[in-house]
């Protein structure tokens, strides 16, 4: 699907004879670079970023770098618009002494074995 997005953009901006170059190593490489750079992003984000890149600069075909930059810009604006998580102070912990620790271990049924103790 990413290769189709690259094809779509190239046909839309067909300034370099995209159809003439069909199935050439150079065109295949361009599609591979596009796919490799954008494979980690959901298709919906790639499509939205392609639209945004075209609207931002309608006289120039966006490459994978432009599309990636648009994706990251959109993500950062969503993060900035999200409400900040309320930071809760970490609850104060009370230290316990060794005797209380041993008592807790006995309550839960844990008996440590020491070296030399019979199993």
N, C-alpha and C. Protein backbone atom coordinates (compact mmCIF):
# COMPACT_ATOMS: atom_id res chain seq x y z
N UNK A 1 0.82 -1.19 0.00
CA UNK A 1 0.00 0.00 0.00
C UNK A 1 0.87 1.26 0.00
N UNK A 2 2.05 1.19 0.63
CA UNK A 2 2.93 2.35 0.62
C UNK A 2 3.46 2.62 -0.79
N UNK A 3 3.73 1.55 -1.53
CA UNK A 3 4.18 1.73 -2.92
C UNK A 3 3.09 2.40 -3.74
N UNK A 4 1.83 2.07 -3.45
CA UNK A 4 0.72 2.69 -4.17
C UNK A 4 0.65 4.19 -3.84
N UNK A 5 0.91 4.56 -2.58
CA UNK A 5 0.92 5.97 -2.21
C UNK A 5 2.02 6.72 -2.96
N UNK A 6 3.18 6.09 -3.08
CA UNK A 6 4.28 6.69 -3.84
C UNK A 6 3.88 6.85 -5.31
N UNK A 7 3.27 5.81 -5.87
CA UNK A 7 2.79 5.86 -7.26
C UNK A 7 1.78 6.99 -7.44
N UNK A 8 0.86 7.09 -6.51
CA UNK A 8 -0.18 8.12 -6.59
C UNK A 8 0.44 9.51 -6.61
N UNK A 9 1.36 9.76 -5.69
CA UNK A 9 2.01 11.07 -5.65
C UNK A 9 2.78 11.34 -6.93
N UNK A 10 3.49 10.34 -7.41
CA UNK A 10 4.29 10.53 -8.62
C UNK A 10 3.40 10.83 -9.82
N UNK A 11 2.28 10.12 -9.95
CA UNK A 11 1.37 10.39 -11.06
C UNK A 11 0.73 11.76 -10.92
N UNK A 12 0.45 12.16 -9.70
CA UNK A 12 -0.17 13.46 -9.46
C UNK A 12 0.77 14.60 -9.88
N UNK A 13 2.05 14.42 -9.65
CA UNK A 13 3.04 15.46 -9.94
C UNK A 13 3.89 15.13 -11.17
N UNK A 14 3.48 14.23 -11.98
CA UNK A 14 4.25 13.65 -13.09
C UNK A 14 5.08 14.69 -13.85
N UNK A 15 6.15 15.12 -13.23
CA UNK A 15 7.03 16.11 -13.87
C UNK A 15 8.25 15.44 -14.47
N UNK A 16 8.52 14.22 -14.08
CA UNK A 16 9.74 13.57 -14.55
C UNK A 16 9.44 12.33 -15.38
N UNK A 17 8.27 12.27 -15.97
CA UNK A 17 7.93 11.14 -16.83
C UNK A 17 7.82 9.83 -16.09
N UNK A 18 7.03 9.81 -15.04
CA UNK A 18 6.89 8.60 -14.22
C UNK A 18 6.46 7.41 -15.05
N UNK A 19 5.52 7.62 -15.96
CA UNK A 19 5.04 6.51 -16.79
C UNK A 19 6.13 6.02 -17.75
N UNK A 20 6.94 6.91 -18.26
CA UNK A 20 8.04 6.50 -19.16
C UNK A 20 9.05 5.64 -18.43
N UNK A 21 9.20 5.88 -17.14
CA UNK A 21 10.20 5.17 -16.35
C UNK A 21 9.67 3.88 -15.72
N UNK A 22 8.47 3.49 -16.08
CA UNK A 22 7.83 2.32 -15.48
C UNK A 22 8.76 1.11 -15.49
N UNK A 23 8.86 0.44 -14.34
CA UNK A 23 9.63 -0.79 -14.14
C UNK A 23 11.13 -0.64 -14.40
N UNK A 24 11.65 0.53 -14.22
CA UNK A 24 13.10 0.70 -14.31
C UNK A 24 13.70 0.56 -12.92
N UNK A 25 14.97 0.22 -12.83
CA UNK A 25 15.59 0.08 -11.51
C UNK A 25 15.51 1.38 -10.69
N UNK A 26 15.61 2.52 -11.33
CA UNK A 26 15.54 3.79 -10.60
C UNK A 26 14.16 3.99 -9.97
N UNK A 27 13.12 3.70 -10.73
CA UNK A 27 11.76 3.87 -10.19
C UNK A 27 11.50 2.85 -9.09
N UNK A 28 11.96 1.63 -9.28
CA UNK A 28 11.79 0.61 -8.24
C UNK A 28 12.53 1.03 -6.97
N UNK A 29 13.71 1.60 -7.12
CA UNK A 29 14.49 2.05 -5.95
C UNK A 29 13.76 3.17 -5.22
N UNK A 30 13.15 4.07 -5.98
CA UNK A 30 12.42 5.17 -5.35
C UNK A 30 11.26 4.63 -4.52
N UNK A 31 10.55 3.66 -5.05
CA UNK A 31 9.43 3.08 -4.30
C UNK A 31 9.93 2.33 -3.07
N UNK A 32 11.05 1.62 -3.21
CA UNK A 32 11.62 0.89 -2.06
C UNK A 32 12.05 1.86 -0.96
N UNK A 33 12.69 2.96 -1.33
CA UNK A 33 13.09 3.95 -0.33
C UNK A 33 11.87 4.52 0.39
N UNK A 34 10.82 4.80 -0.35
CA UNK A 34 9.58 5.32 0.21
C UNK A 34 9.00 4.32 1.21
N UNK A 35 8.95 3.05 0.80
CA UNK A 35 8.38 2.02 1.68
C UNK A 35 9.25 1.80 2.91
N UNK A 36 10.56 1.74 2.73
CA UNK A 36 11.46 1.51 3.87
C UNK A 36 11.36 2.62 4.90
N UNK A 37 11.28 3.85 4.43
CA UNK A 37 11.25 4.99 5.36
C UNK A 37 9.93 5.09 6.12
N UNK A 38 8.85 4.57 5.54
CA UNK A 38 7.53 4.80 6.13
C UNK A 38 6.85 3.52 6.63
N UNK A 39 7.54 2.41 6.60
CA UNK A 39 6.90 1.13 6.94
C UNK A 39 6.45 1.03 8.40
N UNK A 40 7.04 1.81 9.27
CA UNK A 40 6.68 1.71 10.69
C UNK A 40 5.47 2.55 11.07
N UNK A 41 4.91 3.28 10.12
CA UNK A 41 3.77 4.15 10.40
C UNK A 41 2.50 3.54 9.82
N UNK A 42 1.37 3.71 10.50
CA UNK A 42 0.09 3.22 9.96
C UNK A 42 -0.22 3.92 8.63
N UNK A 43 -0.86 3.19 7.73
CA UNK A 43 -1.18 3.71 6.41
C UNK A 43 -2.02 4.98 6.50
N UNK A 44 -2.95 5.03 7.44
CA UNK A 44 -3.80 6.22 7.58
C UNK A 44 -2.97 7.46 7.90
N UNK A 45 -1.93 7.30 8.72
CA UNK A 45 -1.05 8.43 9.03
C UNK A 45 -0.24 8.85 7.81
N UNK A 46 0.22 7.87 7.04
CA UNK A 46 0.99 8.17 5.83
C UNK A 46 0.12 8.93 4.84
N UNK A 47 -1.11 8.47 4.65
CA UNK A 47 -2.01 9.13 3.71
C UNK A 47 -2.32 10.56 4.15
N UNK A 48 -2.59 10.74 5.42
CA UNK A 48 -2.87 12.09 5.94
C UNK A 48 -1.65 12.99 5.78
N UNK A 49 -0.47 12.43 6.03
CA UNK A 49 0.75 13.21 5.89
C UNK A 49 1.02 13.56 4.43
N UNK A 50 0.70 12.66 3.51
CA UNK A 50 0.85 12.97 2.08
C UNK A 50 -0.06 14.13 1.70
N UNK A 51 -1.30 14.09 2.18
CA UNK A 51 -2.23 15.18 1.88
C UNK A 51 -1.71 16.50 2.46
N UNK A 52 -1.24 16.47 3.69
CA UNK A 52 -0.73 17.68 4.33
C UNK A 52 0.49 18.22 3.61
N UNK A 53 1.38 17.32 3.18
CA UNK A 53 2.59 17.76 2.47
C UNK A 53 2.25 18.39 1.13
N UNK A 54 1.26 17.84 0.44
CA UNK A 54 0.84 18.40 -0.85
C UNK A 54 0.20 19.77 -0.63
N UNK A 55 -0.62 19.89 0.40
CA UNK A 55 -1.27 21.17 0.68
C UNK A 55 -0.25 22.23 1.11
N UNK A 56 0.78 21.80 1.83
CA UNK A 56 1.80 22.73 2.30
C UNK A 56 2.67 23.24 1.15
N UNK A 57 2.89 22.40 0.16
CA UNK A 57 3.74 22.78 -0.97
C UNK A 57 3.18 22.15 -2.24
N UNK A 58 2.15 22.73 -2.83
CA UNK A 58 1.46 22.10 -3.95
C UNK A 58 2.26 22.02 -5.25
N UNK A 59 3.39 22.68 -5.34
CA UNK A 59 4.18 22.64 -6.56
C UNK A 59 5.31 21.62 -6.52
N UNK A 60 5.37 20.84 -5.47
CA UNK A 60 6.49 19.92 -5.30
C UNK A 60 6.01 18.57 -4.79
N UNK A 61 6.50 17.50 -5.40
CA UNK A 61 6.13 16.16 -4.94
C UNK A 61 6.85 15.87 -3.63
N UNK A 62 6.11 15.53 -2.58
CA UNK A 62 6.77 15.21 -1.31
C UNK A 62 7.52 13.89 -1.41
N UNK A 63 8.69 13.83 -0.84
CA UNK A 63 9.41 12.56 -0.76
C UNK A 63 9.17 11.96 0.62
N UNK A 64 9.81 10.84 0.88
CA UNK A 64 9.56 10.15 2.15
C UNK A 64 9.98 10.99 3.35
N UNK A 65 10.97 11.85 3.19
CA UNK A 65 11.39 12.73 4.28
C UNK A 65 10.32 13.75 4.62
N UNK A 66 9.69 14.32 3.58
CA UNK A 66 8.60 15.27 3.81
C UNK A 66 7.42 14.59 4.51
N UNK A 67 7.09 13.38 4.04
CA UNK A 67 5.95 12.66 4.62
C UNK A 67 6.22 12.31 6.07
N UNK A 68 7.42 11.83 6.35
CA UNK A 68 7.79 11.49 7.73
C UNK A 68 7.73 12.73 8.63
N UNK A 69 8.23 13.84 8.14
CA UNK A 69 8.20 15.09 8.92
C UNK A 69 6.76 15.51 9.21
N UNK A 70 5.87 15.34 8.25
CA UNK A 70 4.46 15.67 8.48
C UNK A 70 3.83 14.75 9.52
N UNK A 71 4.18 13.47 9.48
CA UNK A 71 3.66 12.52 10.47
C UNK A 71 4.11 12.94 11.86
N UNK A 72 5.39 13.23 12.02
CA UNK A 72 5.92 13.61 13.33
C UNK A 72 5.34 14.94 13.80
N UNK A 73 5.13 15.87 12.88
CA UNK A 73 4.52 17.16 13.24
C UNK A 73 3.10 16.94 13.74
N UNK A 74 2.33 16.08 13.04
CA UNK A 74 0.96 15.81 13.46
C UNK A 74 0.92 15.12 14.82
N UNK A 75 1.84 14.19 15.02
CA UNK A 75 1.89 13.50 16.31
C UNK A 75 2.23 14.46 17.44
N UNK A 76 3.19 15.34 17.21
CA UNK A 76 3.58 16.27 18.27
C UNK A 76 2.46 17.25 18.59
N UNK A 77 1.68 17.64 17.58
CA UNK A 77 0.57 18.55 17.86
C UNK A 77 -0.53 17.83 18.65
N UNK A 78 -0.72 16.53 18.38
CA UNK A 78 -1.71 15.76 19.16
C UNK A 78 -1.25 15.62 20.61
N UNK A 79 0.03 15.41 20.80
CA UNK A 79 0.56 15.27 22.17
C UNK A 79 0.43 16.61 22.90
N UNK A 80 0.74 17.69 22.21
CA UNK A 80 0.64 19.01 22.84
C UNK A 80 -0.80 19.35 23.21
N UNK A 81 -1.75 18.88 22.40
CA UNK A 81 -3.16 19.18 22.66
C UNK A 81 -3.76 18.30 23.76
N UNK A 82 -3.12 17.18 24.03
CA UNK A 82 -3.64 16.26 25.05
C UNK A 82 -3.46 16.87 26.43
N UNK A 83 -4.42 16.63 27.30
CA UNK A 83 -4.28 17.17 28.66
C UNK A 83 -3.09 16.52 29.36
N UNK A 84 -2.39 17.32 30.11
CA UNK A 84 -1.22 16.82 30.83
C UNK A 84 -1.68 15.86 31.92
N UNK A 85 -0.94 14.80 32.07
CA UNK A 85 -1.27 13.83 33.12
C UNK A 85 -0.98 14.47 34.47
N UNK A 86 -1.94 14.34 35.35
CA UNK A 86 -1.77 14.90 36.70
C UNK A 86 -0.69 14.10 37.41
N UNK A 87 0.32 14.78 37.83
CA UNK A 87 1.41 14.07 38.51
C UNK A 87 1.06 13.92 39.98
N UNK A 88 0.92 12.71 40.38
CA UNK A 88 0.61 12.39 41.77
C UNK A 88 1.93 12.23 42.51
N UNK A 89 2.03 12.82 43.68
CA UNK A 89 3.26 12.59 44.44
C UNK A 89 3.32 11.13 44.86
N UNK A 90 4.52 10.60 44.84
CA UNK A 90 4.69 9.20 45.23
C UNK A 90 4.36 9.06 46.71
N UNK A 91 3.57 8.04 47.05
CA UNK A 91 3.22 7.89 48.46
C UNK A 91 4.47 7.68 49.32
N UNK A 92 4.41 8.29 50.48
CA UNK A 92 5.55 8.17 51.40
C UNK A 92 5.60 6.76 51.93
N UNK A 93 6.76 6.18 51.82
CA UNK A 93 6.91 4.80 52.31
C UNK A 93 7.55 4.81 53.69
N UNK A 94 7.07 3.91 54.51
CA UNK A 94 7.57 3.82 55.87
C UNK A 94 8.55 2.65 55.95
N UNK A 95 9.73 2.94 56.43
CA UNK A 95 10.72 1.87 56.58
C UNK A 95 10.32 0.99 57.77
N UNK A 96 10.58 -0.28 57.62
CA UNK A 96 10.31 -1.20 58.73
C UNK A 96 11.62 -1.79 59.20
N UNK A 97 11.62 -2.21 60.46
CA UNK A 97 12.85 -2.78 61.01
C UNK A 97 12.91 -4.28 60.70
N UNK A 98 14.03 -4.87 61.01
CA UNK A 98 14.27 -6.28 60.71
C UNK A 98 13.30 -7.22 61.39
N UNK A 99 12.91 -6.90 62.61
CA UNK A 99 11.99 -7.77 63.35
C UNK A 99 10.63 -7.81 62.66
N UNK A 100 10.15 -6.64 62.21
CA UNK A 100 8.85 -6.59 61.52
C UNK A 100 8.94 -7.30 60.17
N UNK A 101 10.07 -7.18 59.49
CA UNK A 101 10.26 -7.86 58.21
C UNK A 101 10.20 -9.37 58.41
N UNK A 102 10.84 -9.86 59.46
CA UNK A 102 10.81 -11.30 59.76
C UNK A 102 9.40 -11.75 60.09
N UNK A 103 8.66 -10.93 60.82
CA UNK A 103 7.28 -11.25 61.17
C UNK A 103 6.41 -11.35 59.90
N UNK A 104 6.58 -10.40 59.00
CA UNK A 104 5.81 -10.43 57.74
C UNK A 104 6.14 -11.69 56.96
N UNK A 105 7.40 -12.06 56.90
CA UNK A 105 7.80 -13.27 56.17
C UNK A 105 7.18 -14.52 56.78
N UNK A 106 7.12 -14.57 58.11
CA UNK A 106 6.47 -15.72 58.77
C UNK A 106 4.98 -15.75 58.48
N UNK A 107 4.33 -14.56 58.44
CA UNK A 107 2.89 -14.49 58.17
C UNK A 107 2.55 -15.04 56.79
N UNK A 108 3.42 -14.82 55.83
CA UNK A 108 3.12 -15.32 54.48
C UNK A 108 3.67 -16.72 54.25
N UNK A 109 4.33 -17.26 55.25
CA UNK A 109 4.78 -18.64 55.17
C UNK A 109 6.15 -18.82 54.51
N UNK A 110 6.94 -17.79 54.48
CA UNK A 110 8.27 -17.88 53.88
C UNK A 110 9.29 -18.14 54.96
N UNK A 111 10.07 -19.19 54.77
CA UNK A 111 11.12 -19.52 55.71
C UNK A 111 12.44 -19.58 54.94
N UNK A 112 13.32 -18.65 55.19
CA UNK A 112 14.59 -18.68 54.44
C UNK A 112 15.46 -19.84 54.90
N UNK A 113 16.16 -20.40 53.95
CA UNK A 113 17.11 -21.47 54.26
C UNK A 113 18.49 -20.88 54.28
N UNK A 114 19.23 -21.26 55.31
CA UNK A 114 20.59 -20.75 55.44
C UNK A 114 21.56 -21.89 55.09
N UNK A 115 22.77 -21.47 54.73
CA UNK A 115 23.75 -22.48 54.39
C UNK A 115 23.99 -23.39 55.60
N UNK A 116 24.02 -24.67 55.35
CA UNK A 116 24.24 -25.63 56.43
C UNK A 116 22.96 -26.13 57.04
N UNK A 117 21.81 -25.43 56.78
CA UNK A 117 20.53 -25.92 57.31
C UNK A 117 20.11 -27.16 56.53
N UNK A 118 19.53 -28.12 57.22
CA UNK A 118 19.01 -29.28 56.49
C UNK A 118 17.80 -28.85 55.65
N UNK A 119 17.66 -29.39 54.48
CA UNK A 119 16.56 -29.01 53.58
C UNK A 119 15.25 -29.52 54.01
